[in-house]
Amino acid sequence: MIKARLQQRSESLELTAEGEVRAVKREYAGMVDAARRMWQREGITGYFRGCLPNAIRVVPGAAITFVVYEAVMDWIG
């Protein structure tokens, strides 16, 4: 999560809900600054944001891979 926030550090363009484009300047000075501000603003939950959606995305593919691997290994003997 820190890496994602650091990649958005410089000025970037954002599209608002009204359809307008505006320039936004990011405020993180580095990795330690981003981690410190995340801790202050969001606590421990800020570091794990996105883990559940990522697991929901990854688990089905991993399960299919495991089942196919086991089936092939049984078939090979």
PDB file of N, CA and C in Angstrom:
ATOM      1  N   MET A   1       0.823  -1.180   0.000  1.00  0.00           N
ATOM      2  CA  MET A   1       0.000   0.000   0.000  1.00  0.00           C
ATOM      3  C   MET A   1       0.880   1.261   0.000  1.00  0.00           C
ATOM      4  N   ILE A   2       1.994   1.216   0.685  1.00  0.00           N
ATOM      5  CA  ILE A   2       2.876   2.378   0.712  1.00  0.00           C
ATOM      6  C   ILE A   2       3.403   2.654  -0.693  1.00  0.00           C
ATOM      7  N   LYS A   3       3.775   1.591  -1.425  1.00  0.00           N
ATOM      8  CA  LYS A   3       4.296   1.757  -2.776  1.00  0.00           C
ATOM      9  C   LYS A   3       3.273   2.450  -3.674  1.00  0.00           C
ATOM     10  N   ALA A   4       2.016   2.058  -3.561  1.00  0.00           N
ATOM     11  CA  ALA A   4       0.975   2.667  -4.388  1.00  0.00           C
ATOM     12  C   ALA A   4       0.834   4.150  -4.076  1.00  0.00           C
ATOM     13  N   ARG A   5       0.928   4.489  -2.819  1.00  0.00           N
ATOM     14  CA  ARG A   5       0.806   5.907  -2.466  1.00  0.00           C
ATOM     15  C   ARG A   5       2.013   6.710  -2.924  1.00  0.00           C
ATOM     16  N   LEU A   6       3.195   6.115  -2.873  1.00  0.00           N
ATOM     17  CA  LEU A   6       4.387   6.826  -3.321  1.00  0.00           C
ATOM     18  C   LEU A   6       4.379   7.046  -4.829  1.00  0.00           C
ATOM     19  N   GLN A   7       3.810   6.114  -5.577  1.00  0.00           N
ATOM     20  CA  GLN A   7       3.767   6.266  -7.016  1.00  0.00           C
ATOM     21  C   GLN A   7       2.857   7.404  -7.436  1.00  0.00           C
ATOM     22  N   GLN A   8       1.973   7.818  -6.564  1.00  0.00           N
ATOM     23  CA  GLN A   8       1.070   8.918  -6.847  1.00  0.00           C
ATOM     24  C   GLN A   8       1.586  10.223  -6.254  1.00  0.00           C
ATOM     25  N   ARG A   9       2.856  10.267  -5.909  1.00  0.00           N
ATOM     26  CA  ARG A   9       3.415  11.382  -5.155  1.00  0.00           C
ATOM     27  C   ARG A   9       3.467  12.692  -5.931  1.00  0.00           C
ATOM     28  N   SER A  10       3.798  12.659  -7.192  1.00  0.00           N
ATOM     29  CA  SER A  10       3.941  13.911  -7.931  1.00  0.00           C
ATOM     30  C   SER A  10       2.579  14.417  -8.385  1.00  0.00           C
ATOM     31  N   GLU A  11       2.594  15.507  -9.112  1.00  0.00           N
ATOM     32  CA  GLU A  11       1.331  16.044  -9.614  1.00  0.00           C
ATOM     33  C   GLU A  11       0.712  15.074 -10.604  1.00  0.00           C
ATOM     34  N   SER A  12      -0.572  14.922 -10.503  1.00  0.00           N
ATOM     35  CA  SER A  12      -1.278  14.065 -11.435  1.00  0.00           C
ATOM     36  C   SER A  12      -2.627  14.687 -11.743  1.00  0.00           C
ATOM     37  N   LEU A  13      -3.276  14.172 -12.761  1.00  0.00           N
ATOM     38  CA  LEU A  13      -4.590  14.656 -13.142  1.00  0.00           C
ATOM     39  C   LEU A  13      -5.638  13.684 -12.626  1.00  0.00           C
ATOM     40  N   GLU A  14      -6.705  14.235 -12.077  1.00  0.00           N
ATOM     41  CA  GLU A  14      -7.808  13.421 -11.594  1.00  0.00           C
ATOM     42  C   GLU A  14      -9.095  13.886 -12.238  1.00  0.00           C
ATOM     43  N   LEU A  15      -9.990  12.952 -12.442  1.00  0.00           N
ATOM     44  CA  LEU A  15     -11.297  13.250 -12.997  1.00  0.00           C
ATOM     45  C   LEU A  15     -12.290  13.298 -11.841  1.00  0.00           C
ATOM     46  N   THR A  16     -12.975  14.415 -11.687  1.00  0.00           N
ATOM     47  CA  THR A  16     -13.937  14.562 -10.598  1.00  0.00           C
ATOM     48  C   THR A  16     -15.259  13.920 -10.976  1.00  0.00           C
ATOM     49  N   ALA A  17     -16.157  13.813 -10.016  1.00  0.00           N
ATOM     50  CA  ALA A  17     -17.473  13.217 -10.250  1.00  0.00           C
ATOM     51  C   ALA A  17     -18.279  14.044 -11.253  1.00  0.00           C
ATOM     52  N   GLU A  18     -17.980  15.324 -11.328  1.00  0.00           N
ATOM     53  CA  GLU A  18     -18.703  16.196 -12.262  1.00  0.00           C
ATOM     54  C   GLU A  18     -18.118  16.129 -13.667  1.00  0.00           C
ATOM     55  N   GLY A  19     -17.040  15.397 -13.867  1.00  0.00           N
ATOM     56  CA  GLY A  19     -16.425  15.265 -15.182  1.00  0.00           C
ATOM     57  C   GLY A  19     -15.336  16.268 -15.452  1.00  0.00           C
ATOM     58  N   GLU A  20     -14.937  17.039 -14.454  1.00  0.00           N
ATOM     59  CA  GLU A  20     -13.876  18.030 -14.632  1.00  0.00           C
ATOM     60  C   GLU A  20     -12.520  17.395 -14.347  1.00  0.00           C
ATOM     61  N   VAL A  21     -11.497  17.889 -15.015  1.00  0.00           N
ATOM     62  CA  VAL A  21     -10.134  17.419 -14.798  1.00  0.00           C
ATOM     63  C   VAL A  21      -9.421  18.459 -13.955  1.00  0.00           C
ATOM     64  N   ARG A  22      -8.729  17.989 -12.902  1.00  0.00           N
ATOM     65  CA  ARG A  22      -7.984  18.928 -12.065  1.00  0.00           C
ATOM     66  C   ARG A  22      -6.623  18.348 -11.717  1.00  0.00           C
ATOM     67  N   ALA A  23      -5.650  19.226 -11.514  1.00  0.00           N
ATOM     68  CA  ALA A  23      -4.304  18.808 -11.127  1.00  0.00           C
ATOM     69  C   ALA A  23      -4.252  18.695  -9.612  1.00  0.00           C
ATOM     70  N   VAL A  24      -3.675  17.600  -9.133  1.00  0.00           N
ATOM     71  CA  VAL A  24      -3.583  17.346  -7.698  1.00  0.00           C
ATOM     72  C   VAL A  24      -2.124  17.059  -7.362  1.00  0.00           C
ATOM     73  N   LYS A  25      -1.631  17.716  -6.336  1.00  0.00           N
ATOM     74  CA  LYS A  25      -0.259  17.485  -5.903  1.00  0.00           C
ATOM     75  C   LYS A  25      -0.275  16.529  -4.715  1.00  0.00           C
ATOM     76  N   ARG A  26       0.502  15.473  -4.806  1.00  0.00           N
ATOM     77  CA  ARG A  26       0.585  14.493  -3.730  1.00  0.00           C
ATOM     78  C   ARG A  26       1.531  14.996  -2.652  1.00  0.00           C
ATOM     79  N   GLU A  27       1.312  14.538  -1.416  1.00  0.00           N
ATOM     80  CA  GLU A  27       2.033  15.143  -0.305  1.00  0.00           C
ATOM     81  C   GLU A  27       3.115  14.300   0.343  1.00  0.00           C
ATOM     82  N   TYR A  28       3.400  13.101  -0.138  1.00  0.00           N
ATOM     83  CA  TYR A  28       4.373  12.252   0.544  1.00  0.00           C
ATOM     84  C   TYR A  28       5.791  12.584   0.109  1.00  0.00           C
ATOM     85  N   ALA A  29       6.679  12.714   1.097  1.00  0.00           N
ATOM     86  CA  ALA A  29       8.066  13.061   0.828  1.00  0.00           C
ATOM     87  C   ALA A  29       8.935  11.827   0.636  1.00  0.00           C
ATOM     88  N   GLY A  30       8.469  10.667   1.011  1.00  0.00           N
ATOM     89  CA  GLY A  30       9.236   9.432   0.874  1.00  0.00           C
ATOM     90  C   GLY A  30       8.492   8.279   1.530  1.00  0.00           C
ATOM     91  N   MET A  31       9.139   7.124   1.533  1.00  0.00           N
ATOM     92  CA  MET A  31       8.502   5.935   2.063  1.00  0.00           C
ATOM     93  C   MET A  31       8.221   6.055   3.559  1.00  0.00           C
ATOM     94  N   VAL A  32       9.163   6.559   4.305  1.00  0.00           N
ATOM     95  CA  VAL A  32       8.976   6.690   5.761  1.00  0.00           C
ATOM     96  C   VAL A  32       7.869   7.695   6.053  1.00  0.00           C
ATOM     97  N   ASP A  33       7.836   8.781   5.310  1.00  0.00           N
ATOM     98  CA  ASP A  33       6.786   9.782   5.489  1.00  0.00           C
ATOM     99  C   ASP A  33       5.421   9.201   5.176  1.00  0.00           C
ATOM    100  N   ALA A  34       5.325   8.421   4.100  1.00  0.00           N
ATOM    101  CA  ALA A  34       4.047   7.799   3.734  1.00  0.00           C
ATOM    102  C   ALA A  34       3.595   6.821   4.809  1.00  0.00           C
ATOM    103  N   ALA A  35       4.525   6.003   5.314  1.00  0.00           N
ATOM    104  CA  ALA A  35       4.178   5.034   6.362  1.00  0.00           C
ATOM    105  C   ALA A  35       3.741   5.746   7.639  1.00  0.00           C
ATOM    106  N   ARG A  36       4.439   6.812   8.000  1.00  0.00           N
ATOM    107  CA  ARG A  36       4.093   7.557   9.214  1.00  0.00           C
ATOM    108  C   ARG A  36       2.717   8.205   9.096  1.00  0.00           C
ATOM    109  N   ARG A  37       2.447   8.815   7.955  1.00  0.00           N
ATOM    110  CA  ARG A  37       1.144   9.462   7.774  1.00  0.00           C
ATOM    111  C   ARG A  37       0.008   8.450   7.698  1.00  0.00           C
ATOM    112  N   MET A  38       0.272   7.300   7.079  1.00  0.00           N
ATOM    113  CA  MET A  38      -0.755   6.252   7.052  1.00  0.00           C
ATOM    114  C   MET A  38      -1.086   5.810   8.472  1.00  0.00           C
ATOM    115  N   TRP A  39      -0.064   5.625   9.291  1.00  0.00           N
ATOM    116  CA  TRP A  39      -0.285   5.206  10.682  1.00  0.00           C
ATOM    117  C   TRP A  39      -1.080   6.258  11.451  1.00  0.00           C
ATOM    118  N   GLN A  40      -0.739   7.525  11.263  1.00  0.00           N
ATOM    119  CA  GLN A  40      -1.425   8.596  11.980  1.00  0.00           C
ATOM    120  C   GLN A  40      -2.879   8.737  11.545  1.00  0.00           C
ATOM    121  N   ARG A  41      -3.152   8.644  10.259  1.00  0.00           N
ATOM    122  CA  ARG A  41      -4.498   8.879   9.740  1.00  0.00           C
ATOM    123  C   ARG A  41      -5.409   7.659   9.820  1.00  0.00           C
ATOM    124  N   GLU A  42      -4.853   6.460   9.571  1.00  0.00           N
ATOM    125  CA  GLU A  42      -5.705   5.280   9.421  1.00  0.00           C
ATOM    126  C   GLU A  42      -5.412   4.168  10.407  1.00  0.00           C
ATOM    127  N   GLY A  43      -4.289   4.248  11.105  1.00  0.00           N
ATOM    128  CA  GLY A  43      -3.935   3.180  12.031  1.00  0.00           C
ATOM    129  C   GLY A  43      -3.481   1.938  11.280  1.00  0.00           C
ATOM    130  N   ILE A  44      -3.557   0.802  11.953  1.00  0.00           N
ATOM    131  CA  ILE A  44      -3.064  -0.446  11.379  1.00  0.00           C
ATOM    132  C   ILE A  44      -3.876  -0.862  10.146  1.00  0.00           C
ATOM    133  N   THR A  45      -5.151  -0.498  10.089  1.00  0.00           N
ATOM    134  CA  THR A  45      -5.983  -0.915   8.960  1.00  0.00           C
ATOM    135  C   THR A  45      -5.522  -0.303   7.640  1.00  0.00           C
ATOM    136  N   GLY A  46      -4.839   0.814   7.686  1.00  0.00           N
ATOM    137  CA  GLY A  46      -4.343   1.447   6.462  1.00  0.00           C
ATOM    138  C   GLY A  46      -3.325   0.595   5.729  1.00  0.00           C
ATOM    139  N   TYR A  47      -2.587  -0.226   6.459  1.00  0.00           N
ATOM    140  CA  TYR A  47      -1.570  -1.068   5.841  1.00  0.00           C
ATOM    141  C   TYR A  47      -2.166  -2.310   5.182  1.00  0.00           C
ATOM    142  N   PHE A  48      -3.384  -2.671   5.549  1.00  0.00           N
ATOM    143  CA  PHE A  48      -3.992  -3.884   5.021  1.00  0.00           C
ATOM    144  C   PHE A  48      -5.168  -3.602   4.093  1.00  0.00           C
ATOM    145  N   ARG A  49      -5.368  -2.365   3.731  1.00  0.00           N
ATOM    146  CA  ARG A  49      -6.452  -2.016   2.823  1.00  0.00           C
ATOM    147  C   ARG A  49      -6.206  -2.698   1.479  1.00  0.00           C
ATOM    148  N   GLY A  50      -7.220  -3.351   0.981  1.00  0.00           N
ATOM    149  CA  GLY A  50      -7.120  -4.018  -0.305  1.00  0.00           C
ATOM    150  C   GLY A  50      -6.751  -5.488  -0.222  1.00  0.00           C
ATOM    151  N   CYS A  51      -6.428  -6.001   0.959  1.00  0.00           N
ATOM    152  CA  CYS A  51      -6.044  -7.411   1.081  1.00  0.00           C
ATOM    153  C   CYS A  51      -7.220  -8.342   0.801  1.00  0.00           C
ATOM    154  N   LEU A  52      -8.376  -8.032   1.317  1.00  0.00           N
ATOM    155  CA  LEU A  52      -9.537  -8.897   1.101  1.00  0.00           C
ATOM    156  C   LEU A  52      -9.966  -8.925  -0.369  1.00  0.00           C
ATOM    157  N   PRO A  53     -10.095  -7.787  -1.045  1.00  0.00           N
ATOM    158  CA  PRO A  53     -10.427  -7.861  -2.470  1.00  0.00           C
ATOM    159  C   PRO A  53      -9.365  -8.602  -3.284  1.00  0.00           C
ATOM    160  N   ASN A  54      -8.107  -8.440  -2.918  1.00  0.00           N
ATOM    161  CA  ASN A  54      -7.047  -9.151  -3.628  1.00  0.00           C
ATOM    162  C   ASN A  54      -7.165 -10.657  -3.396  1.00  0.00           C
ATOM    163  N   ALA A  55      -7.460 -11.074  -2.176  1.00  0.00           N
ATOM    164  CA  ALA A  55      -7.624 -12.499  -1.885  1.00  0.00           C
ATOM    165  C   ALA A  55      -8.818 -13.065  -2.651  1.00  0.00           C
ATOM    166  N   ILE A  56      -9.888 -12.309  -2.723  1.00  0.00           N
ATOM    167  CA  ILE A  56     -11.068 -12.761  -3.470  1.00  0.00           C
ATOM    168  C   ILE A  56     -10.727 -12.929  -4.949  1.00  0.00           C
ATOM    169  N   ARG A  57      -9.825 -12.123  -5.449  1.00  0.00           N
ATOM    170  CA  ARG A  57      -9.416 -12.210  -6.849  1.00  0.00           C
ATOM    171  C   ARG A  57      -8.458 -13.384  -7.079  1.00  0.00           C
ATOM    172  N   VAL A  58      -7.573 -13.665  -6.137  1.00  0.00           N
ATOM    173  CA  VAL A  58      -6.508 -14.644  -6.322  1.00  0.00           C
ATOM    174  C   VAL A  58      -6.942 -16.071  -5.975  1.00  0.00           C
ATOM    175  N   VAL A  59      -7.756 -16.243  -4.954  1.00  0.00           N
ATOM    176  CA  VAL A  59      -8.089 -17.575  -4.449  1.00  0.00           C
ATOM    177  C   VAL A  59      -8.719 -18.489  -5.504  1.00  0.00           C
ATOM    178  N   PRO A  60      -9.689 -18.047  -6.294  1.00  0.00           N
ATOM    179  CA  PRO A  60     -10.259 -18.974  -7.285  1.00  0.00           C
ATOM    180  C   PRO A  60      -9.223 -19.513  -8.279  1.00  0.00           C
ATOM    181  N   GLY A  61      -8.355 -18.670  -8.755  1.00  0.00           N
ATOM    182  CA  GLY A  61      -7.318 -19.123  -9.688  1.00  0.00           C
ATOM    183  C   GLY A  61      -6.348 -20.092  -9.052  1.00  0.00           C
ATOM    184  N   ALA A  62      -5.971 -19.811  -7.807  1.00  0.00           N
ATOM    185  CA  ALA A  62      -5.064 -20.715  -7.094  1.00  0.00           C
ATOM    186  C   ALA A  62      -5.734 -22.063  -6.844  1.00  0.00           C
ATOM    187  N   ALA A  63      -7.021 -22.054  -6.526  1.00  0.00           N
ATOM    188  CA  ALA A  63      -7.745 -23.302  -6.286  1.00  0.00           C
ATOM    189  C   ALA A  63      -7.822 -24.133  -7.564  1.00  0.00           C
ATOM    190  N   ILE A  64      -8.113 -23.492  -8.680  1.00  0.00           N
ATOM    191  CA  ILE A  64      -8.179 -24.204  -9.954  1.00  0.00           C
ATOM    192  C   ILE A  64      -6.815 -24.795 -10.307  1.00  0.00           C
ATOM    193  N   THR A  65      -5.767 -24.020 -10.111  1.00  0.00           N
ATOM    194  CA  THR A  65      -4.415 -24.502 -10.386  1.00  0.00           C
ATOM    195  C   THR A  65      -4.099 -25.727  -9.537  1.00  0.00           C
ATOM    196  N   PHE A  66      -4.439 -25.691  -8.254  1.00  0.00           N
ATOM    197  CA  PHE A  66      -4.184 -26.806  -7.351  1.00  0.00           C
ATOM    198  C   PHE A  66      -4.947 -28.050  -7.779  1.00  0.00           C
ATOM    199  N   VAL A  67      -6.222 -27.905  -8.113  1.00  0.00           N
ATOM    200  CA  VAL A  67      -7.049 -29.049  -8.516  1.00  0.00           C
ATOM    201  C   VAL A  67      -6.516 -29.665  -9.805  1.00  0.00           C
ATOM    202  N   VAL A  68      -6.170 -28.839 -10.789  1.00  0.00           N
ATOM    203  CA  VAL A  68      -5.643 -29.350 -12.055  1.00  0.00           C
ATOM    204  C   VAL A  68      -4.307 -30.045 -11.836  1.00  0.00           C
ATOM    205  N   TYR A  69      -3.457 -29.461 -11.023  1.00  0.00           N
ATOM    206  CA  TYR A  69      -2.154 -30.077 -10.733  1.00  0.00           C
ATOM    207  C   TYR A  69      -2.332 -31.451 -10.100  1.00  0.00           C
ATOM    208  N   GLU A  70      -3.201 -31.542  -9.108  1.00  0.00           N
ATOM    209  CA  GLU A  70      -3.436 -32.823  -8.436  1.00  0.00           C
ATOM    210  C   GLU A  70      -4.034 -33.841  -9.397  1.00  0.00           C
ATOM    211  N   ALA A  71      -4.942 -33.440 -10.269  1.00  0.00           N
ATOM    212  CA  ALA A  71      -5.550 -34.354 -11.242  1.00  0.00           C
ATOM    213  C   ALA A  71      -4.502 -34.870 -12.221  1.00  0.00           C
ATOM    214  N   VAL A  72      -3.641 -33.991 -12.699  1.00  0.00           N
ATOM    215  CA  VAL A  72      -2.590 -34.399 -13.629  1.00  0.00           C
ATOM    216  C   VAL A  72      -1.609 -35.338 -12.945  1.00  0.00           C
ATOM    217  N   MET A  73      -1.243 -35.065 -11.725  1.00  0.00           N
ATOM    218  CA  MET A  73      -0.312 -35.929 -11.004  1.00  0.00           C
ATOM    219  C   MET A  73      -0.923 -37.305 -10.770  1.00  0.00           C
ATOM    220  N   ASP A  74      -2.222 -37.378 -10.473  1.00  0.00           N
ATOM    221  CA  ASP A  74      -2.886 -38.670 -10.303  1.00  0.00           C
ATOM    222  C   ASP A  74      -2.954 -39.415 -11.642  1.00  0.00           C
ATOM    223  N   TRP A  75      -3.200 -38.686 -12.725  1.00  0.00           N
ATOM    224  CA  TRP A  75      -3.304 -39.296 -14.038  1.00  0.00           C
ATOM    225  C   TRP A  75      -1.942 -39.853 -14.499  1.00  0.00           C
ATOM    226  N   ILE A  76      -0.865 -39.077 -14.212  1.00  0.00           N
ATOM    227  CA  ILE A  76       0.477 -39.520 -14.599  1.00  0.00           C
ATOM    228  C   ILE A  76       0.873 -40.752 -13.794  1.00  0.00           C
ATOM    229  N   GLY A  77       0.486 -40.761 -12.554  1.00  0.00           N
ATOM    230  CA  GLY A  77       0.740 -41.957 -11.770  1.00  0.00           C
ATOM    231  C   GLY A  77       1.730 -41.749 -10.701  1.00  0.00           C
TER     232      GLY A  77
END
